[in-house]
Structures are given as C-alpha cells and as structure tokens.
Amino acid sequence: MSLYTKPFLTLEQQLSVLKARGLSVSDDVAALACLSRFAYYRLSAYWYPLRETTVVAHVASGRMVVQRLDHFKADTNLQQVIHL
C-alpha cells in the first residue's frame, strides 16, 4: 500500500490554487462556502471539461493524444462549474 503524499490544503488555499489556475471567482465567501459544501475533488469532475487541453505525440504508440492541463480555459468561472 502506498502512502498519500499530497499535502493538506485549507479551503482558502484550495481557492488560491483554483484562482492561480485561471478560475474566475467573483465572490470569495460564496466560493469558500461551495468548497465547504461540495468539496474540491467532487467539484473537480465538473470543472474537468473546462480545463485547457493540448495534443501531444504518444511515443510508445505513435498516436496523438489529447492531454488535459491544470489551467482553466479563458473566461471560466466558478458559477459555470456550479451550474454543471
């Protein structure tokens, strides 16, 4: 069994990460309430299609592969995630 290595982040730190990745947030208090209610990783399934992508060559197979990046597409906001 492997150990969990990701550090604990407070809600405020989680919000900072999302903002640094380009998620637009108009109301920090409401955003923190959403993170508290739904949780970061549960919401991550809903913001997944709103993340930027890039196409890379897969060396082993020789095929082109779409890779999902951590950064959000331009003009993505938390309301869009909540609405999904």
N, C-alpha and C. Protein backbone atom coordinates (compact mmCIF):
# COMPACT_ATOMS: atom_id res chain seq x y z
N MET A 1 0.84 -1.18 0.00
CA MET A 1 0.00 0.00 0.00
C MET A 1 0.89 1.25 0.00
N SER A 2 0.54 2.23 -0.83
CA SER A 2 1.33 3.45 -0.90
C SER A 2 0.75 4.51 0.04
N LEU A 3 1.61 5.40 0.47
CA LEU A 3 1.19 6.48 1.35
C LEU A 3 0.66 7.65 0.54
N TYR A 4 -0.31 8.34 1.09
CA TYR A 4 -0.85 9.54 0.46
C TYR A 4 0.15 10.66 0.65
N THR A 5 0.60 11.27 -0.45
CA THR A 5 1.68 12.25 -0.35
C THR A 5 1.26 13.69 -0.60
N LYS A 6 0.02 13.92 -1.02
CA LYS A 6 -0.40 15.30 -1.26
C LYS A 6 -0.62 16.01 0.07
N PRO A 7 -0.17 17.27 0.17
CA PRO A 7 -0.33 18.00 1.42
C PRO A 7 -1.78 18.45 1.63
N PHE A 8 -2.18 18.57 2.87
CA PHE A 8 -3.49 19.10 3.23
C PHE A 8 -3.54 20.57 2.85
N LEU A 9 -4.64 21.01 2.24
CA LEU A 9 -4.85 22.42 1.92
C LEU A 9 -6.13 22.89 2.57
N THR A 10 -6.08 24.05 3.20
CA THR A 10 -7.28 24.64 3.76
C THR A 10 -8.19 25.08 2.61
N LEU A 11 -9.42 25.42 2.91
CA LEU A 11 -10.33 25.91 1.88
C LEU A 11 -9.78 27.15 1.20
N GLU A 12 -9.18 28.03 1.99
CA GLU A 12 -8.59 29.25 1.43
C GLU A 12 -7.45 28.92 0.47
N GLN A 13 -6.63 27.94 0.83
CA GLN A 13 -5.54 27.52 -0.04
C GLN A 13 -6.06 26.86 -1.31
N GLN A 14 -7.11 26.06 -1.18
CA GLN A 14 -7.73 25.44 -2.35
C GLN A 14 -8.25 26.50 -3.31
N LEU A 15 -8.89 27.52 -2.78
CA LEU A 15 -9.39 28.62 -3.60
C LEU A 15 -8.24 29.34 -4.29
N SER A 16 -7.16 29.55 -3.59
CA SER A 16 -5.98 30.19 -4.18
C SER A 16 -5.42 29.38 -5.34
N VAL A 17 -5.40 28.06 -5.19
CA VAL A 17 -4.92 27.18 -6.27
C VAL A 17 -5.82 27.34 -7.49
N LEU A 18 -7.12 27.32 -7.28
CA LEU A 18 -8.06 27.45 -8.39
C LEU A 18 -7.89 28.79 -9.11
N LYS A 19 -7.74 29.85 -8.35
CA LYS A 19 -7.54 31.17 -8.95
C LYS A 19 -6.22 31.23 -9.72
N ALA A 20 -5.17 30.64 -9.15
CA ALA A 20 -3.87 30.61 -9.83
C ALA A 20 -3.94 29.83 -11.14
N ARG A 21 -4.86 28.90 -11.22
CA ARG A 21 -5.03 28.10 -12.44
C ARG A 21 -5.99 28.75 -13.43
N GLY A 22 -6.46 29.95 -13.10
CA GLY A 22 -7.26 30.72 -14.05
C GLY A 22 -8.76 30.68 -13.85
N LEU A 23 -9.25 30.11 -12.76
CA LEU A 23 -10.68 30.10 -12.49
C LEU A 23 -11.09 31.47 -11.96
N SER A 24 -12.07 32.07 -12.59
CA SER A 24 -12.56 33.38 -12.17
C SER A 24 -13.56 33.19 -11.04
N VAL A 25 -13.36 33.94 -9.97
CA VAL A 25 -14.24 33.86 -8.79
C VAL A 25 -14.64 35.28 -8.43
N SER A 26 -15.95 35.56 -8.47
CA SER A 26 -16.41 36.92 -8.18
C SER A 26 -16.69 37.16 -6.70
N ASP A 27 -16.94 36.10 -5.95
CA ASP A 27 -17.28 36.23 -4.53
C ASP A 27 -16.54 35.15 -3.75
N ASP A 28 -15.47 35.54 -3.07
CA ASP A 28 -14.65 34.58 -2.33
C ASP A 28 -15.43 33.88 -1.22
N VAL A 29 -16.29 34.59 -0.53
CA VAL A 29 -17.06 34.00 0.56
C VAL A 29 -17.98 32.90 0.02
N ALA A 30 -18.66 33.18 -1.07
CA ALA A 30 -19.54 32.18 -1.69
C ALA A 30 -18.72 31.00 -2.22
N ALA A 31 -17.56 31.29 -2.78
CA ALA A 31 -16.70 30.22 -3.31
C ALA A 31 -16.23 29.31 -2.18
N LEU A 32 -15.85 29.89 -1.05
CA LEU A 32 -15.44 29.08 0.10
C LEU A 32 -16.60 28.23 0.62
N ALA A 33 -17.80 28.79 0.59
CA ALA A 33 -18.98 28.03 1.01
C ALA A 33 -19.23 26.85 0.06
N CYS A 34 -19.02 27.06 -1.24
CA CYS A 34 -19.18 25.97 -2.21
C CYS A 34 -18.14 24.88 -1.98
N LEU A 35 -16.90 25.28 -1.75
CA LEU A 35 -15.86 24.29 -1.48
C LEU A 35 -16.14 23.52 -0.21
N SER A 36 -16.68 24.20 0.78
CA SER A 36 -17.01 23.55 2.04
C SER A 36 -18.17 22.57 1.86
N ARG A 37 -19.14 22.96 1.07
CA ARG A 37 -20.34 22.13 0.89
C ARG A 37 -20.09 20.94 -0.03
N PHE A 38 -19.43 21.18 -1.17
CA PHE A 38 -19.29 20.14 -2.18
C PHE A 38 -17.95 19.43 -2.18
N ALA A 39 -16.90 20.07 -1.70
CA ALA A 39 -15.54 19.55 -1.65
C ALA A 39 -14.82 19.69 -2.99
N TYR A 40 -13.55 19.98 -2.89
CA TYR A 40 -12.68 20.24 -4.05
C TYR A 40 -12.72 19.10 -5.05
N TYR A 41 -12.50 17.89 -4.59
CA TYR A 41 -12.38 16.77 -5.52
C TYR A 41 -13.71 16.36 -6.14
N ARG A 42 -14.80 16.59 -5.45
CA ARG A 42 -16.11 16.34 -6.04
C ARG A 42 -16.37 17.36 -7.15
N LEU A 43 -16.05 18.62 -6.90
CA LEU A 43 -16.23 19.65 -7.92
C LEU A 43 -15.30 19.44 -9.11
N SER A 44 -14.16 18.81 -8.88
CA SER A 44 -13.18 18.65 -9.96
C SER A 44 -13.74 17.87 -11.14
N ALA A 45 -14.69 17.00 -10.91
CA ALA A 45 -15.32 16.27 -12.01
C ALA A 45 -16.12 17.21 -12.90
N TYR A 46 -16.66 18.26 -12.33
CA TYR A 46 -17.48 19.21 -13.09
C TYR A 46 -16.63 20.26 -13.80
N TRP A 47 -15.46 20.60 -13.25
CA TRP A 47 -14.63 21.56 -13.97
C TRP A 47 -13.68 20.88 -14.95
N TYR A 48 -13.66 19.57 -14.96
CA TYR A 48 -12.78 18.82 -15.86
C TYR A 48 -12.92 19.26 -17.33
N PRO A 49 -14.15 19.35 -17.88
CA PRO A 49 -14.27 19.76 -19.29
C PRO A 49 -13.93 21.23 -19.53
N LEU A 50 -13.77 22.00 -18.47
CA LEU A 50 -13.45 23.42 -18.59
C LEU A 50 -11.95 23.69 -18.51
N ARG A 51 -11.16 22.64 -18.40
CA ARG A 51 -9.69 22.78 -18.36
C ARG A 51 -9.13 22.80 -19.77
N GLU A 52 -8.03 23.49 -19.95
CA GLU A 52 -7.37 23.56 -21.25
C GLU A 52 -6.82 22.19 -21.64
N THR A 53 -6.68 21.98 -22.94
CA THR A 53 -6.11 20.74 -23.45
C THR A 53 -4.98 21.05 -24.42
N THR A 54 -4.16 20.05 -24.65
CA THR A 54 -3.11 20.13 -25.65
C THR A 54 -2.98 18.76 -26.29
N VAL A 55 -2.49 18.75 -27.51
CA VAL A 55 -2.29 17.48 -28.22
C VAL A 55 -0.81 17.16 -28.19
N VAL A 56 -0.49 15.95 -27.75
CA VAL A 56 0.91 15.52 -27.67
C VAL A 56 1.07 14.18 -28.39
N ALA A 57 2.26 13.93 -28.87
CA ALA A 57 2.56 12.65 -29.51
C ALA A 57 2.86 11.63 -28.43
N HIS A 58 2.18 10.49 -28.50
CA HIS A 58 2.43 9.40 -27.57
C HIS A 58 3.54 8.54 -28.16
N VAL A 59 4.70 8.56 -27.54
CA VAL A 59 5.89 7.93 -28.08
C VAL A 59 5.71 6.43 -28.28
N ALA A 60 5.15 5.74 -27.30
CA ALA A 60 5.06 4.28 -27.37
C ALA A 60 4.14 3.81 -28.50
N SER A 61 3.01 4.48 -28.70
CA SER A 61 2.05 4.03 -29.70
C SER A 61 2.18 4.78 -31.02
N GLY A 62 2.85 5.94 -31.00
CA GLY A 62 2.96 6.75 -32.20
C GLY A 62 1.71 7.53 -32.53
N ARG A 63 0.72 7.52 -31.65
CA ARG A 63 -0.53 8.24 -31.87
C ARG A 63 -0.50 9.60 -31.19
N MET A 64 -1.39 10.47 -31.64
CA MET A 64 -1.56 11.77 -31.00
C MET A 64 -2.57 11.60 -29.86
N VAL A 65 -2.28 12.20 -28.73
CA VAL A 65 -3.11 12.05 -27.54
C VAL A 65 -3.48 13.43 -27.02
N VAL A 66 -4.75 13.61 -26.64
CA VAL A 66 -5.19 14.86 -26.02
C VAL A 66 -4.88 14.78 -24.54
N GLN A 67 -4.16 15.78 -24.05
CA GLN A 67 -3.80 15.83 -22.64
C GLN A 67 -4.53 16.99 -21.98
N ARG A 68 -5.18 16.73 -20.84
CA ARG A 68 -5.89 17.76 -20.09
C ARG A 68 -4.89 18.46 -19.18
N LEU A 69 -4.85 19.79 -19.24
CA LEU A 69 -3.92 20.58 -18.43
C LEU A 69 -4.58 21.04 -17.14
N ASP A 70 -3.79 21.54 -16.20
CA ASP A 70 -4.33 22.02 -14.93
C ASP A 70 -5.02 23.37 -15.06
N HIS A 71 -4.62 24.16 -16.06
CA HIS A 71 -5.14 25.52 -16.21
C HIS A 71 -6.52 25.51 -16.86
N PHE A 72 -7.36 26.44 -16.44
CA PHE A 72 -8.71 26.54 -16.98
C PHE A 72 -8.74 27.31 -18.30
N LYS A 73 -9.73 27.00 -19.13
CA LYS A 73 -9.94 27.75 -20.37
C LYS A 73 -10.26 29.19 -20.02
N ALA A 74 -9.99 30.09 -20.96
CA ALA A 74 -10.25 31.51 -20.74
C ALA A 74 -11.72 31.74 -20.38
N ASP A 75 -11.96 32.67 -19.49
CA ASP A 75 -13.30 33.09 -19.07
C ASP A 75 -14.09 32.01 -18.34
N THR A 76 -13.42 31.02 -17.77
CA THR A 76 -14.11 30.01 -16.97
C THR A 76 -14.31 30.56 -15.56
N ASN A 77 -15.53 30.42 -15.04
CA ASN A 77 -15.78 30.91 -13.68
C ASN A 77 -16.46 29.84 -12.84
N LEU A 78 -16.46 30.07 -11.55
CA LEU A 78 -16.99 29.08 -10.61
C LEU A 78 -18.48 28.86 -10.82
N GLN A 79 -19.20 29.87 -11.25
CA GLN A 79 -20.64 29.71 -11.49
C GLN A 79 -20.90 28.66 -12.56
N GLN A 80 -20.06 28.61 -13.59
CA GLN A 80 -20.22 27.61 -14.64
C GLN A 80 -20.06 26.20 -14.05
N VAL A 81 -19.10 26.05 -13.16
CA VAL A 81 -18.87 24.75 -12.53
C VAL A 81 -20.08 24.35 -11.70
N ILE A 82 -20.59 25.28 -10.91
CA ILE A 82 -21.74 25.00 -10.05
C ILE A 82 -22.97 24.66 -10.88
N HIS A 83 -23.15 25.35 -11.99
CA HIS A 83 -24.32 25.09 -12.86
C HIS A 83 -24.26 23.71 -13.48
N LEU A 84 -23.04 23.22 -13.77
CA LEU A 84 -22.90 21.87 -14.30
C LEU A 84 -23.33 20.86 -13.25
